[in-house]
Amino acid sequence: MANARGRMRSTTVVLGGMGLLATALTACSNAPDKRCVDRDSYRTDKGYKIVSDRNCGSGGANGVWYYKGSKKGSWVNGGSFTAPRKGSGGSSGGHSGVHRGGFGGGHGSSGG
């Protein structure tokens, strides 16, 4: 019995430590997911061509920052040229991820 308790404690310590590590890593990744792309390189089948970050500095040729999106090789698609707002939580359309209220969530007016 004492041996089982000892194993349970060590499992709890390991799991608790992993939770702390995950929290720390998440907190450190404040930078938005962005890539420098050539604005004039768009192809419907691939998206935008990723170029060196130097092209997005001041005086860069056609380089612009492209946020989010999915990367395939040296191309990225499905993102935006608009930087996400701090603390936006990744939601879009001006709606928060938490919906309070019932029977329709408070959008529009009630009948009556």
PDB file of N, CA and C in Angstrom:
ATOM      1  N   MET A   1       0.825  -1.201   0.000  1.00  0.00           N
ATOM      2  CA  MET A   1       0.000   0.000   0.000  1.00  0.00           C
ATOM      3  C   MET A   1       0.864   1.258   0.000  1.00  0.00           C
ATOM      4  N   ALA A   2       1.895   1.244   0.844  1.00  0.00           N
ATOM      5  CA  ALA A   2       2.785   2.402   0.905  1.00  0.00           C
ATOM      6  C   ALA A   2       3.502   2.595  -0.419  1.00  0.00           C
ATOM      7  N   ASN A   3       3.845   1.502  -1.092  1.00  0.00           N
ATOM      8  CA  ASN A   3       4.528   1.573  -2.375  1.00  0.00           C
ATOM      9  C   ASN A   3       3.614   2.194  -3.439  1.00  0.00           C
ATOM     10  N   ALA A   4       2.339   1.849  -3.430  1.00  0.00           N
ATOM     11  CA  ALA A   4       1.374   2.407  -4.380  1.00  0.00           C
ATOM     12  C   ALA A   4       1.198   3.905  -4.153  1.00  0.00           C
ATOM     13  N   ARG A   5       1.201   4.330  -2.890  1.00  0.00           N
ATOM     14  CA  ARG A   5       1.088   5.755  -2.582  1.00  0.00           C
ATOM     15  C   ARG A   5       2.304   6.520  -3.087  1.00  0.00           C
ATOM     16  N   GLY A   6       3.467   5.917  -2.935  1.00  0.00           N
ATOM     17  CA  GLY A   6       4.695   6.561  -3.412  1.00  0.00           C
ATOM     18  C   GLY A   6       4.692   6.726  -4.928  1.00  0.00           C
ATOM     19  N   ARG A   7       4.193   5.714  -5.644  1.00  0.00           N
ATOM     20  CA  ARG A   7       4.105   5.809  -7.101  1.00  0.00           C
ATOM     21  C   ARG A   7       3.109   6.886  -7.510  1.00  0.00           C
ATOM     22  N   MET A   8       2.004   6.971  -6.774  1.00  0.00           N
ATOM     23  CA  MET A   8       0.996   7.962  -7.090  1.00  0.00           C
ATOM     24  C   MET A   8       1.549   9.379  -6.895  1.00  0.00           C
ATOM     25  N   ARG A   9       2.320   9.578  -5.838  1.00  0.00           N
ATOM     26  CA  ARG A   9       2.923  10.892  -5.601  1.00  0.00           C
ATOM     27  C   ARG A   9       3.886  11.253  -6.712  1.00  0.00           C
ATOM     28  N   SER A  10       4.718  10.309  -7.148  1.00  0.00           N
ATOM     29  CA  SER A  10       5.687  10.622  -8.193  1.00  0.00           C
ATOM     30  C   SER A  10       4.979  10.903  -9.515  1.00  0.00           C
ATOM     31  N   THR A  11       3.885  10.206  -9.786  1.00  0.00           N
ATOM     32  CA  THR A  11       3.104  10.476 -10.989  1.00  0.00           C
ATOM     33  C   THR A  11       2.494  11.865 -10.926  1.00  0.00           C
ATOM     34  N   THR A  12       1.995  12.238  -9.764  1.00  0.00           N
ATOM     35  CA  THR A  12       1.417  13.569  -9.584  1.00  0.00           C
ATOM     36  C   THR A  12       2.471  14.645  -9.780  1.00  0.00           C
ATOM     37  N   VAL A  13       3.675  14.428  -9.254  1.00  0.00           N
ATOM     38  CA  VAL A  13       4.760  15.402  -9.414  1.00  0.00           C
ATOM     39  C   VAL A  13       5.134  15.542 -10.877  1.00  0.00           C
ATOM     40  N   VAL A  14       5.253  14.419 -11.590  1.00  0.00           N
ATOM     41  CA  VAL A  14       5.613  14.456 -13.009  1.00  0.00           C
ATOM     42  C   VAL A  14       4.539  15.179 -13.808  1.00  0.00           C
ATOM     43  N   LEU A  15       3.275  14.830 -13.597  1.00  0.00           N
ATOM     44  CA  LEU A  15       2.190  15.470 -14.329  1.00  0.00           C
ATOM     45  C   LEU A  15       2.079  16.955 -13.992  1.00  0.00           C
ATOM     46  N   GLY A  16       2.248  17.287 -12.727  1.00  0.00           N
ATOM     47  CA  GLY A  16       2.215  18.695 -12.332  1.00  0.00           C
ATOM     48  C   GLY A  16       3.359  19.473 -12.956  1.00  0.00           C
ATOM     49  N   GLY A  17       4.521  18.869 -12.999  1.00  0.00           N
ATOM     50  CA  GLY A  17       5.677  19.519 -13.624  1.00  0.00           C
ATOM     51  C   GLY A  17       5.478  19.739 -15.111  1.00  0.00           C
ATOM     52  N   MET A  18       4.852  18.769 -15.773  1.00  0.00           N
ATOM     53  CA  MET A  18       4.589  18.919 -17.205  1.00  0.00           C
ATOM     54  C   MET A  18       3.583  20.033 -17.459  1.00  0.00           C
ATOM     55  N   GLY A  19       2.608  20.175 -16.577  1.00  0.00           N
ATOM     56  CA  GLY A  19       1.646  21.269 -16.707  1.00  0.00           C
ATOM     57  C   GLY A  19       2.313  22.625 -16.562  1.00  0.00           C
ATOM     58  N   LEU A  20       3.223  22.731 -15.605  1.00  0.00           N
ATOM     59  CA  LEU A  20       3.961  23.985 -15.432  1.00  0.00           C
ATOM     60  C   LEU A  20       4.827  24.291 -16.647  1.00  0.00           C
ATOM     61  N   LEU A  21       5.473  23.277 -17.187  1.00  0.00           N
ATOM     62  CA  LEU A  21       6.302  23.467 -18.371  1.00  0.00           C
ATOM     63  C   LEU A  21       5.460  23.939 -19.553  1.00  0.00           C
ATOM     64  N   ALA A  22       4.304  23.333 -19.759  1.00  0.00           N
ATOM     65  CA  ALA A  22       3.421  23.734 -20.854  1.00  0.00           C
ATOM     66  C   ALA A  22       2.954  25.175 -20.681  1.00  0.00           C
ATOM     67  N   THR A  23       2.621  25.550 -19.465  1.00  0.00           N
ATOM     68  CA  THR A  23       2.192  26.922 -19.186  1.00  0.00           C
ATOM     69  C   THR A  23       3.315  27.907 -19.462  1.00  0.00           C
ATOM     70  N   ALA A  24       4.526  27.577 -19.039  1.00  0.00           N
ATOM     71  CA  ALA A  24       5.669  28.464 -19.250  1.00  0.00           C
ATOM     72  C   ALA A  24       5.963  28.631 -20.731  1.00  0.00           C
ATOM     73  N   LEU A  25       5.913  27.560 -21.480  1.00  0.00           N
ATOM     74  CA  LEU A  25       6.186  27.651 -22.910  1.00  0.00           C
ATOM     75  C   LEU A  25       5.126  28.451 -23.633  1.00  0.00           C
ATOM     76  N   THR A  26       3.888  28.296 -23.236  1.00  0.00           N
ATOM     77  CA  THR A  26       2.800  29.052 -23.850  1.00  0.00           C
ATOM     78  C   THR A  26       2.935  30.539 -23.542  1.00  0.00           C
ATOM     79  N   ALA A  27       3.316  30.867 -22.333  1.00  0.00           N
ATOM     80  CA  ALA A  27       3.457  32.266 -21.939  1.00  0.00           C
ATOM     81  C   ALA A  27       4.612  32.939 -22.671  1.00  0.00           C
ATOM     82  N   CYS A  28       5.629  32.182 -23.035  1.00  0.00           N
ATOM     83  CA  CYS A  28       6.788  32.757 -23.706  1.00  0.00           C
ATOM     84  C   CYS A  28       6.544  33.011 -25.178  1.00  0.00           C
ATOM     85  N   SER A  29       5.520  32.441 -25.753  1.00  0.00           N
ATOM     86  CA  SER A  29       5.294  32.598 -27.190  1.00  0.00           C
ATOM     87  C   SER A  29       4.319  33.739 -27.464  1.00  0.00           C
ATOM     88  N   ASN A  30       4.690  34.949 -27.081  1.00  0.00           N
ATOM     89  CA  ASN A  30       3.842  36.120 -27.294  1.00  0.00           C
ATOM     90  C   ASN A  30       3.897  36.623 -28.728  1.00  0.00           C
ATOM     91  N   ALA A  31       4.980  36.323 -29.441  1.00  0.00           N
ATOM     92  CA  ALA A  31       5.143  36.830 -30.789  1.00  0.00           C
ATOM     93  C   ALA A  31       4.105  36.202 -31.709  1.00  0.00           C
ATOM     94  N   PRO A  32       3.463  37.016 -32.552  1.00  0.00           N
ATOM     95  CA  PRO A  32       2.485  36.449 -33.471  1.00  0.00           C
ATOM     96  C   PRO A  32       3.179  35.597 -34.525  1.00  0.00           C
ATOM     97  N   ASP A  33       2.467  34.625 -35.049  1.00  0.00           N
ATOM     98  CA  ASP A  33       2.981  33.767 -36.100  1.00  0.00           C
ATOM     99  C   ASP A  33       3.004  34.584 -37.385  1.00  0.00           C
ATOM    100  N   LYS A  34       4.186  35.040 -37.790  1.00  0.00           N
ATOM    101  CA  LYS A  34       4.272  35.879 -38.981  1.00  0.00           C
ATOM    102  C   LYS A  34       5.450  35.459 -39.842  1.00  0.00           C
ATOM    103  N   ARG A  35       5.285  35.688 -41.129  1.00  0.00           N
ATOM    104  CA  ARG A  35       6.323  35.378 -42.106  1.00  0.00           C
ATOM    105  C   ARG A  35       6.411  36.525 -43.097  1.00  0.00           C
ATOM    106  N   CYS A  36       7.614  36.752 -43.602  1.00  0.00           N
ATOM    107  CA  CYS A  36       7.798  37.771 -44.628  1.00  0.00           C
ATOM    108  C   CYS A  36       7.504  37.127 -45.978  1.00  0.00           C
ATOM    109  N   VAL A  37       6.593  37.720 -46.739  1.00  0.00           N
ATOM    110  CA  VAL A  37       6.233  37.180 -48.046  1.00  0.00           C
ATOM    111  C   VAL A  37       6.372  38.252 -49.117  1.00  0.00           C
ATOM    112  N   ASP A  38       6.485  37.802 -50.351  1.00  0.00           N
ATOM    113  CA  ASP A  38       6.493  38.700 -51.505  1.00  0.00           C
ATOM    114  C   ASP A  38       5.044  38.934 -51.901  1.00  0.00           C
ATOM    115  N   ARG A  39       4.571  40.156 -51.734  1.00  0.00           N
ATOM    116  CA  ARG A  39       3.164  40.473 -51.988  1.00  0.00           C
ATOM    117  C   ARG A  39       2.765  40.181 -53.433  1.00  0.00           C
ATOM    118  N   ASP A  40       3.689  40.314 -54.361  1.00  0.00           N
ATOM    119  CA  ASP A  40       3.373  40.124 -55.778  1.00  0.00           C
ATOM    120  C   ASP A  40       3.481  38.673 -56.238  1.00  0.00           C
ATOM    121  N   SER A  41       3.769  37.743 -55.337  1.00  0.00           N
ATOM    122  CA  SER A  41       4.002  36.353 -55.728  1.00  0.00           C
ATOM    123  C   SER A  41       2.781  35.455 -55.603  1.00  0.00           C
ATOM    124  N   TYR A  42       1.610  36.003 -55.321  1.00  0.00           N
ATOM    125  CA  TYR A  42       0.436  35.170 -55.027  1.00  0.00           C
ATOM    126  C   TYR A  42       0.072  34.246 -56.186  1.00  0.00           C
ATOM    127  N   ARG A  43      -0.167  32.977 -55.838  1.00  0.00           N
ATOM    128  CA  ARG A  43      -0.677  31.972 -56.770  1.00  0.00           C
ATOM    129  C   ARG A  43      -1.855  31.286 -56.096  1.00  0.00           C
ATOM    130  N   THR A  44      -2.934  31.103 -56.825  1.00  0.00           N
ATOM    131  CA  THR A  44      -4.143  30.532 -56.228  1.00  0.00           C
ATOM    132  C   THR A  44      -3.918  29.132 -55.686  1.00  0.00           C
ATOM    133  N   ASP A  45      -3.017  28.376 -56.276  1.00  0.00           N
ATOM    134  CA  ASP A  45      -2.792  27.006 -55.822  1.00  0.00           C
ATOM    135  C   ASP A  45      -1.819  26.914 -54.654  1.00  0.00           C
ATOM    136  N   LYS A  46      -1.012  27.967 -54.411  1.00  0.00           N
ATOM    137  CA  LYS A  46       0.011  27.895 -53.362  1.00  0.00           C
ATOM    138  C   LYS A  46      -0.082  28.993 -52.318  1.00  0.00           C
ATOM    139  N   GLY A  47      -0.514  30.167 -52.692  1.00  0.00           N
ATOM    140  CA  GLY A  47      -0.543  31.296 -51.765  1.00  0.00           C
ATOM    141  C   GLY A  47       0.593  32.259 -52.067  1.00  0.00           C
ATOM    142  N   TYR A  48       1.281  32.725 -50.996  1.00  0.00           N
ATOM    143  CA  TYR A  48       2.359  33.704 -51.144  1.00  0.00           C
ATOM    144  C   TYR A  48       3.718  33.052 -50.915  1.00  0.00           C
ATOM    145  N   LYS A  49       4.728  33.482 -51.671  1.00  0.00           N
ATOM    146  CA  LYS A  49       6.090  32.981 -51.551  1.00  0.00           C
ATOM    147  C   LYS A  49       6.750  33.608 -50.331  1.00  0.00           C
ATOM    148  N   ILE A  50       7.308  32.774 -49.454  1.00  0.00           N
ATOM    149  CA  ILE A  50       8.021  33.255 -48.273  1.00  0.00           C
ATOM    150  C   ILE A  50       9.406  33.713 -48.698  1.00  0.00           C
ATOM    151  N   VAL A  51       9.798  34.907 -48.258  1.00  0.00           N
ATOM    152  CA  VAL A  51      11.111  35.466 -48.572  1.00  0.00           C
ATOM    153  C   VAL A  51      11.847  35.782 -47.273  1.00  0.00           C
ATOM    154  N   SER A  52      13.074  36.212 -47.380  1.00  0.00           N
ATOM    155  CA  SER A  52      13.886  36.546 -46.213  1.00  0.00           C
ATOM    156  C   SER A  52      13.260  37.690 -45.419  1.00  0.00           C
ATOM    157  N   ASP A  53      13.386  37.630 -44.088  1.00  0.00           N
ATOM    158  CA  ASP A  53      12.847  38.688 -43.223  1.00  0.00           C
ATOM    159  C   ASP A  53      13.447  40.054 -43.558  1.00  0.00           C
ATOM    160  N   ARG A  54      14.629  40.082 -44.145  1.00  0.00           N
ATOM    161  CA  ARG A  54      15.257  41.369 -44.516  1.00  0.00           C
ATOM    162  C   ARG A  54      14.408  42.135 -45.500  1.00  0.00           C
ATOM    163  N   ASN A  55      13.614  41.427 -46.304  1.00  0.00           N
ATOM    164  CA  ASN A  55      12.752  42.092 -47.287  1.00  0.00           C
ATOM    165  C   ASN A  55      11.591  42.833 -46.643  1.00  0.00           C
ATOM    166  N   CYS A  56      11.303  42.546 -45.388  1.00  0.00           N
ATOM    167  CA  CYS A  56      10.200  43.204 -44.695  1.00  0.00           C
ATOM    168  C   CYS A  56      10.663  44.389 -43.858  1.00  0.00           C
ATOM    169  N   GLY A  57      11.946  44.653 -43.831  1.00  0.00           N
ATOM    170  CA  GLY A  57      12.464  45.804 -43.104  1.00  0.00           C
ATOM    171  C   GLY A  57      12.175  47.074 -43.877  1.00  0.00           C
ATOM    172  N   SER A  58      12.644  48.169 -43.366  1.00  0.00           N
ATOM    173  CA  SER A  58      12.425  49.438 -44.057  1.00  0.00           C
ATOM    174  C   SER A  58      13.155  49.408 -45.396  1.00  0.00           C
ATOM    175  N   GLY A  59      12.486  49.810 -46.432  1.00  0.00           N
ATOM    176  CA  GLY A  59      13.072  49.834 -47.769  1.00  0.00           C
ATOM    177  C   GLY A  59      13.087  48.472 -48.443  1.00  0.00           C
ATOM    178  N   GLY A  60      12.416  47.470 -47.842  1.00  0.00           N
ATOM    179  CA  GLY A  60      12.353  46.146 -48.455  1.00  0.00           C
ATOM    180  C   GLY A  60      11.588  46.197 -49.764  1.00  0.00           C
ATOM    181  N   ALA A  61      11.989  45.383 -50.707  1.00  0.00           N
ATOM    182  CA  ALA A  61      11.390  45.403 -52.044  1.00  0.00           C
ATOM    183  C   ALA A  61       9.879  45.218 -51.988  1.00  0.00           C
ATOM    184  N   ASN A  62       9.407  44.005 -52.099  1.00  0.00           N
ATOM    185  CA  ASN A  62       7.972  43.737 -52.051  1.00  0.00           C
ATOM    186  C   ASN A  62       7.600  42.947 -50.806  1.00  0.00           C
ATOM    187  N   GLY A  63       8.495  42.891 -49.839  1.00  0.00           N
ATOM    188  CA  GLY A  63       8.252  42.093 -48.644  1.00  0.00           C
ATOM    189  C   GLY A  63       7.261  42.737 -47.694  1.00  0.00           C
ATOM    190  N   VAL A  64       6.290  41.951 -47.260  1.00  0.00           N
ATOM    191  CA  VAL A  64       5.317  42.396 -46.265  1.00  0.00           C
ATOM    192  C   VAL A  64       5.108  41.255 -45.270  1.00  0.00           C
ATOM    193  N   TRP A  65       4.714  41.602 -44.052  1.00  0.00           N
ATOM    194  CA  TRP A  65       4.453  40.580 -43.035  1.00  0.00           C
ATOM    195  C   TRP A  65       3.104  39.943 -43.288  1.00  0.00           C
ATOM    196  N   TYR A  66       3.075  38.613 -43.205  1.00  0.00           N
ATOM    197  CA  TYR A  66       1.863  37.823 -43.407  1.00  0.00           C
ATOM    198  C   TYR A  66       1.657  37.010 -42.141  1.00  0.00           C
ATOM    199  N   TYR A  67       0.503  37.165 -41.505  1.00  0.00           N
ATOM    200  CA  TYR A  67       0.239  36.570 -40.200  1.00  0.00           C
ATOM    201  C   TYR A  67      -0.608  35.307 -40.314  1.00  0.00           C
ATOM    202  N   LYS A  68      -0.263  34.344 -39.441  1.00  0.00           N
ATOM    203  CA  LYS A  68      -0.962  33.052 -39.374  1.00  0.00           C
ATOM    204  C   LYS A  68      -0.796  32.313 -40.691  1.00  0.00           C
ATOM    205  N   GLY A  69      -1.785  31.597 -41.133  1.00  0.00           N
ATOM    206  CA  GLY A  69      -1.706  30.851 -42.374  1.00  0.00           C
ATOM    207  C   GLY A  69      -0.985  29.525 -42.198  1.00  0.00           C
ATOM    208  N   SER A  70      -1.150  28.654 -43.161  1.00  0.00           N
ATOM    209  CA  SER A  70      -0.485  27.355 -43.113  1.00  0.00           C
ATOM    210  C   SER A  70       0.650  27.341 -44.130  1.00  0.00           C
ATOM    211  N   LYS A  71       1.792  26.863 -43.680  1.00  0.00           N
ATOM    212  CA  LYS A  71       3.005  26.855 -44.495  1.00  0.00           C
ATOM    213  C   LYS A  71       3.169  25.507 -45.169  1.00  0.00           C
ATOM    214  N   LYS A  72       3.479  25.518 -46.455  1.00  0.00           N
ATOM    215  CA  LYS A  72       3.816  24.323 -47.215  1.00  0.00           C
ATOM    216  C   LYS A  72       5.061  24.636 -48.014  1.00  0.00           C
ATOM    217  N   GLY A  73       6.180  24.065 -47.596  1.00  0.00           N
ATOM    218  CA  GLY A  73       7.446  24.351 -48.273  1.00  0.00           C
ATOM    219  C   GLY A  73       7.810  25.814 -48.091  1.00  0.00           C
ATOM    220  N   SER A  74       8.020  26.518 -49.185  1.00  0.00           N
ATOM    221  CA  SER A  74       8.359  27.943 -49.095  1.00  0.00           C
ATOM    222  C   SER A  74       7.169  28.824 -49.460  1.00  0.00           C
ATOM    223  N   TRP A  75       5.963  28.308 -49.266  1.00  0.00           N
ATOM    224  CA  TRP A  75       4.732  29.049 -49.554  1.00  0.00           C
ATOM    225  C   TRP A  75       3.839  29.047 -48.326  1.00  0.00           C
ATOM    226  N   VAL A  76       3.007  30.087 -48.197  1.00  0.00           N
ATOM    227  CA  VAL A  76       2.066  30.173 -47.081  1.00  0.00           C
ATOM    228  C   VAL A  76       0.727  30.667 -47.616  1.00  0.00           C
ATOM    229  N   ASN A  77      -0.356  30.132 -47.055  1.00  0.00           N
ATOM    230  CA  ASN A  77      -1.689  30.490 -47.526  1.00  0.00           C
ATOM    231  C   ASN A  77      -2.675  30.455 -46.367  1.00  0.00           C
ATOM    232  N   GLY A  78      -3.762  31.194 -46.490  1.00  0.00           N
ATOM    233  CA  GLY A  78      -4.835  31.157 -45.498  1.00  0.00           C
ATOM    234  C   GLY A  78      -4.640  32.100 -44.337  1.00  0.00           C
ATOM    235  N   GLY A  79      -3.734  33.059 -44.449  1.00  0.00           N
ATOM    236  CA  GLY A  79      -3.497  34.006 -43.371  1.00  0.00           C
ATOM    237  C   GLY A  79      -4.004  35.392 -43.710  1.00  0.00           C
ATOM    238  N   SER A  80      -3.344  36.400 -43.150  1.00  0.00           N
ATOM    239  CA  SER A  80      -3.787  37.773 -43.328  1.00  0.00           C
ATOM    240  C   SER A  80      -2.599  38.736 -43.269  1.00  0.00           C
ATOM    241  N   PHE A  81      -2.716  39.873 -43.935  1.00  0.00           N
ATOM    242  CA  PHE A  81      -1.712  40.916 -43.837  1.00  0.00           C
ATOM    243  C   PHE A  81      -1.941  41.801 -42.617  1.00  0.00           C
ATOM    244  N   THR A  82      -3.035  41.595 -41.927  1.00  0.00           N
ATOM    245  CA  THR A  82      -3.373  42.374 -40.736  1.00  0.00           C
ATOM    246  C   THR A  82      -2.879  41.653 -39.492  1.00  0.00           C
ATOM    247  N   ALA A  83      -2.091  42.346 -38.684  1.00  0.00           N
ATOM    248  CA  ALA A  83      -1.562  41.754 -37.452  1.00  0.00           C
ATOM    249  C   ALA A  83      -2.706  41.501 -36.470  1.00  0.00           C
ATOM    250  N   PRO A  84      -2.686  40.345 -35.787  1.00  0.00           N
ATOM    251  CA  PRO A  84      -3.727  40.081 -34.793  1.00  0.00           C
ATOM    252  C   PRO A  84      -3.585  41.034 -33.612  1.00  0.00           C
ATOM    253  N   ARG A  85      -4.702  41.413 -33.040  1.00  0.00           N
ATOM    254  CA  ARG A  85      -4.677  42.284 -31.863  1.00  0.00           C
ATOM    255  C   ARG A  85      -4.161  41.509 -30.672  1.00  0.00           C
ATOM    256  N   LYS A  86      -3.473  42.199 -29.774  1.00  0.00           N
ATOM    257  CA  LYS A  86      -2.984  41.536 -28.559  1.00  0.00           C
ATOM    258  C   LYS A  86      -4.161  41.072 -27.735  1.00  0.00           C
ATOM    259  N   GLY A  87      -4.079  39.834 -27.260  1.00  0.00           N
ATOM    260  CA  GLY A  87      -5.122  39.294 -26.404  1.00  0.00           C
ATOM    261  C   GLY A  87      -6.399  38.945 -27.126  1.00  0.00           C
ATOM    262  N   SER A  88      -6.329  38.854 -28.460  1.00  0.00           N
ATOM    263  CA  SER A  88      -7.554  38.560 -29.204  1.00  0.00           C
ATOM    264  C   SER A  88      -7.980  37.118 -29.060  1.00  0.00           C
ATOM    265  N   GLY A  89      -7.041  36.236 -28.687  1.00  0.00           N
ATOM    266  CA  GLY A  89      -7.399  34.848 -28.492  1.00  0.00           C
ATOM    267  C   GLY A  89      -7.682  34.111 -29.780  1.00  0.00           C
ATOM    268  N   GLY A  90      -7.363  34.722 -30.893  1.00  0.00           N
ATOM    269  CA  GLY A  90      -7.507  34.047 -32.170  1.00  0.00           C
ATOM    270  C   GLY A  90      -8.915  34.041 -32.727  1.00  0.00           C
ATOM    271  N   SER A  91      -9.840  34.724 -32.101  1.00  0.00           N
ATOM    272  CA  SER A  91     -11.193  34.747 -32.640  1.00  0.00           C
ATOM    273  C   SER A  91     -11.284  35.799 -33.722  1.00  0.00           C
ATOM    274  N   SER A  92     -12.248  35.678 -34.583  1.00  0.00           N
ATOM    275  CA  SER A  92     -12.391  36.653 -35.654  1.00  0.00           C
ATOM    276  C   SER A  92     -13.829  37.141 -35.704  1.00  0.00           C
ATOM    277  N   GLY A  93     -14.026  38.186 -36.462  1.00  0.00           N
ATOM    278  CA  GLY A  93     -15.370  38.693 -36.658  1.00  0.00           C
ATOM    279  C   GLY A  93     -15.883  39.533 -35.499  1.00  0.00           C
ATOM    280  N   GLY A  94     -15.038  39.884 -34.558  1.00  0.00           N
ATOM    281  CA  GLY A  94     -15.459  40.735 -33.467  1.00  0.00           C
ATOM    282  C   GLY A  94     -16.236  40.025 -32.386  1.00  0.00           C
ATOM    283  N   HIS A  95     -16.298  38.712 -32.422  1.00  0.00           N
ATOM    284  CA  HIS A  95     -17.020  37.954 -31.408  1.00  0.00           C
ATOM    285  C   HIS A  95     -16.021  37.249 -30.517  1.00  0.00           C
ATOM    286  N   SER A  96     -16.263  37.271 -29.225  1.00  0.00           N
ATOM    287  CA  SER A  96     -15.354  36.571 -28.319  1.00  0.00           C
ATOM    288  C   SER A  96     -15.657  35.083 -28.337  1.00  0.00           C
ATOM    289  N   GLY A  97     -14.715  34.305 -27.851  1.00  0.00           N
ATOM    290  CA  GLY A  97     -14.887  32.864 -27.819  1.00  0.00           C
ATOM    291  C   GLY A  97     -15.835  32.410 -26.726  1.00  0.00           C
ATOM    292  N   VAL A  98     -16.159  33.283 -25.771  1.00  0.00           N
ATOM    293  CA  VAL A  98     -17.045  32.932 -24.670  1.00  0.00           C
ATOM    294  C   VAL A  98     -18.410  33.540 -24.948  1.00  0.00           C
ATOM    295  N   HIS A  99     -19.424  32.720 -24.930  1.00  0.00           N
ATOM    296  CA  HIS A  99     -20.789  33.213 -25.160  1.00  0.00           C
ATOM    297  C   HIS A  99     -21.576  33.076 -23.873  1.00  0.00           C
ATOM    298  N   ARG A 100     -22.082  34.181 -23.418  1.00  0.00           N
ATOM    299  CA  ARG A 100     -22.877  34.169 -22.193  1.00  0.00           C
ATOM    300  C   ARG A 100     -24.330  34.422 -22.561  1.00  0.00           C
ATOM    301  N   GLY A 101     -25.196  33.811 -21.852  1.00  0.00           N
ATOM    302  CA  GLY A 101     -26.617  33.974 -22.136  1.00  0.00           C
ATOM    303  C   GLY A 101     -27.147  32.743 -22.844  1.00  0.00           C
ATOM    304  N   GLY A 102     -28.415  32.539 -22.760  1.00  0.00           N
ATOM    305  CA  GLY A 102     -29.013  31.360 -23.370  1.00  0.00           C
ATOM    306  C   GLY A 102     -30.036  31.746 -24.399  1.00  0.00           C
ATOM    307  N   PHE A 103     -30.641  30.754 -24.983  1.00  0.00           N
ATOM    308  CA  PHE A 103     -31.708  30.952 -25.953  1.00  0.00           C
ATOM    309  C   PHE A 103     -31.300  31.913 -27.063  1.00  0.00           C
ATOM    310  N   GLY A 104     -30.155  31.642 -27.691  1.00  0.00           N
ATOM    311  CA  GLY A 104     -29.738  32.478 -28.813  1.00  0.00           C
ATOM    312  C   GLY A 104     -28.522  33.319 -28.532  1.00  0.00           C
ATOM    313  N   GLY A 105     -28.036  33.348 -27.326  1.00  0.00           N
ATOM    314  CA  GLY A 105     -26.795  34.025 -27.009  1.00  0.00           C
ATOM    315  C   GLY A 105     -26.849  35.534 -26.981  1.00  0.00           C
ATOM    316  N   GLY A 106     -28.016  36.144 -27.058  1.00  0.00           N
ATOM    317  CA  GLY A 106     -28.115  37.587 -26.909  1.00  0.00           C
ATOM    318  C   GLY A 106     -27.912  38.363 -28.197  1.00  0.00           C
ATOM    319  N   HIS A 107     -27.892  37.708 -29.354  1.00  0.00           N
ATOM    320  CA  HIS A 107     -27.754  38.427 -30.615  1.00  0.00           C
ATOM    321  C   HIS A 107     -29.138  38.825 -31.104  1.00  0.00           C
ATOM    322  N   GLY A 108     -29.290  40.046 -31.560  1.00  0.00           N
ATOM    323  CA  GLY A 108     -30.567  40.495 -32.091  1.00  0.00           C
ATOM    324  C   GLY A 108     -31.552  40.811 -30.996  1.00  0.00           C
ATOM    325  N   SER A 109     -32.796  40.915 -31.362  1.00  0.00           N
ATOM    326  CA  SER A 109     -33.818  41.251 -30.373  1.00  0.00           C
ATOM    327  C   SER A 109     -34.729  40.057 -30.129  1.00  0.00           C
ATOM    328  N   SER A 110     -35.406  40.099 -29.024  1.00  0.00           N
ATOM    329  CA  SER A 110     -36.334  39.002 -28.717  1.00  0.00           C
ATOM    330  C   SER A 110     -37.701  39.342 -29.294  1.00  0.00           C
ATOM    331  N   GLY A 111     -38.461  38.323 -29.580  1.00  0.00           N
ATOM    332  CA  GLY A 111     -39.802  38.551 -30.110  1.00  0.00           C
ATOM    333  C   GLY A 111     -40.723  39.094 -29.026  1.00  0.00           C
ATOM    334  N   GLY A 112     -41.705  39.810 -29.405  1.00  0.00           N
ATOM    335  CA  GLY A 112     -42.611  40.186 -28.357  1.00  0.00           C
ATOM    336  C   GLY A 112     -43.095  41.512 -28.453  1.00  0.00           C
TER     337      GLY A 112
END
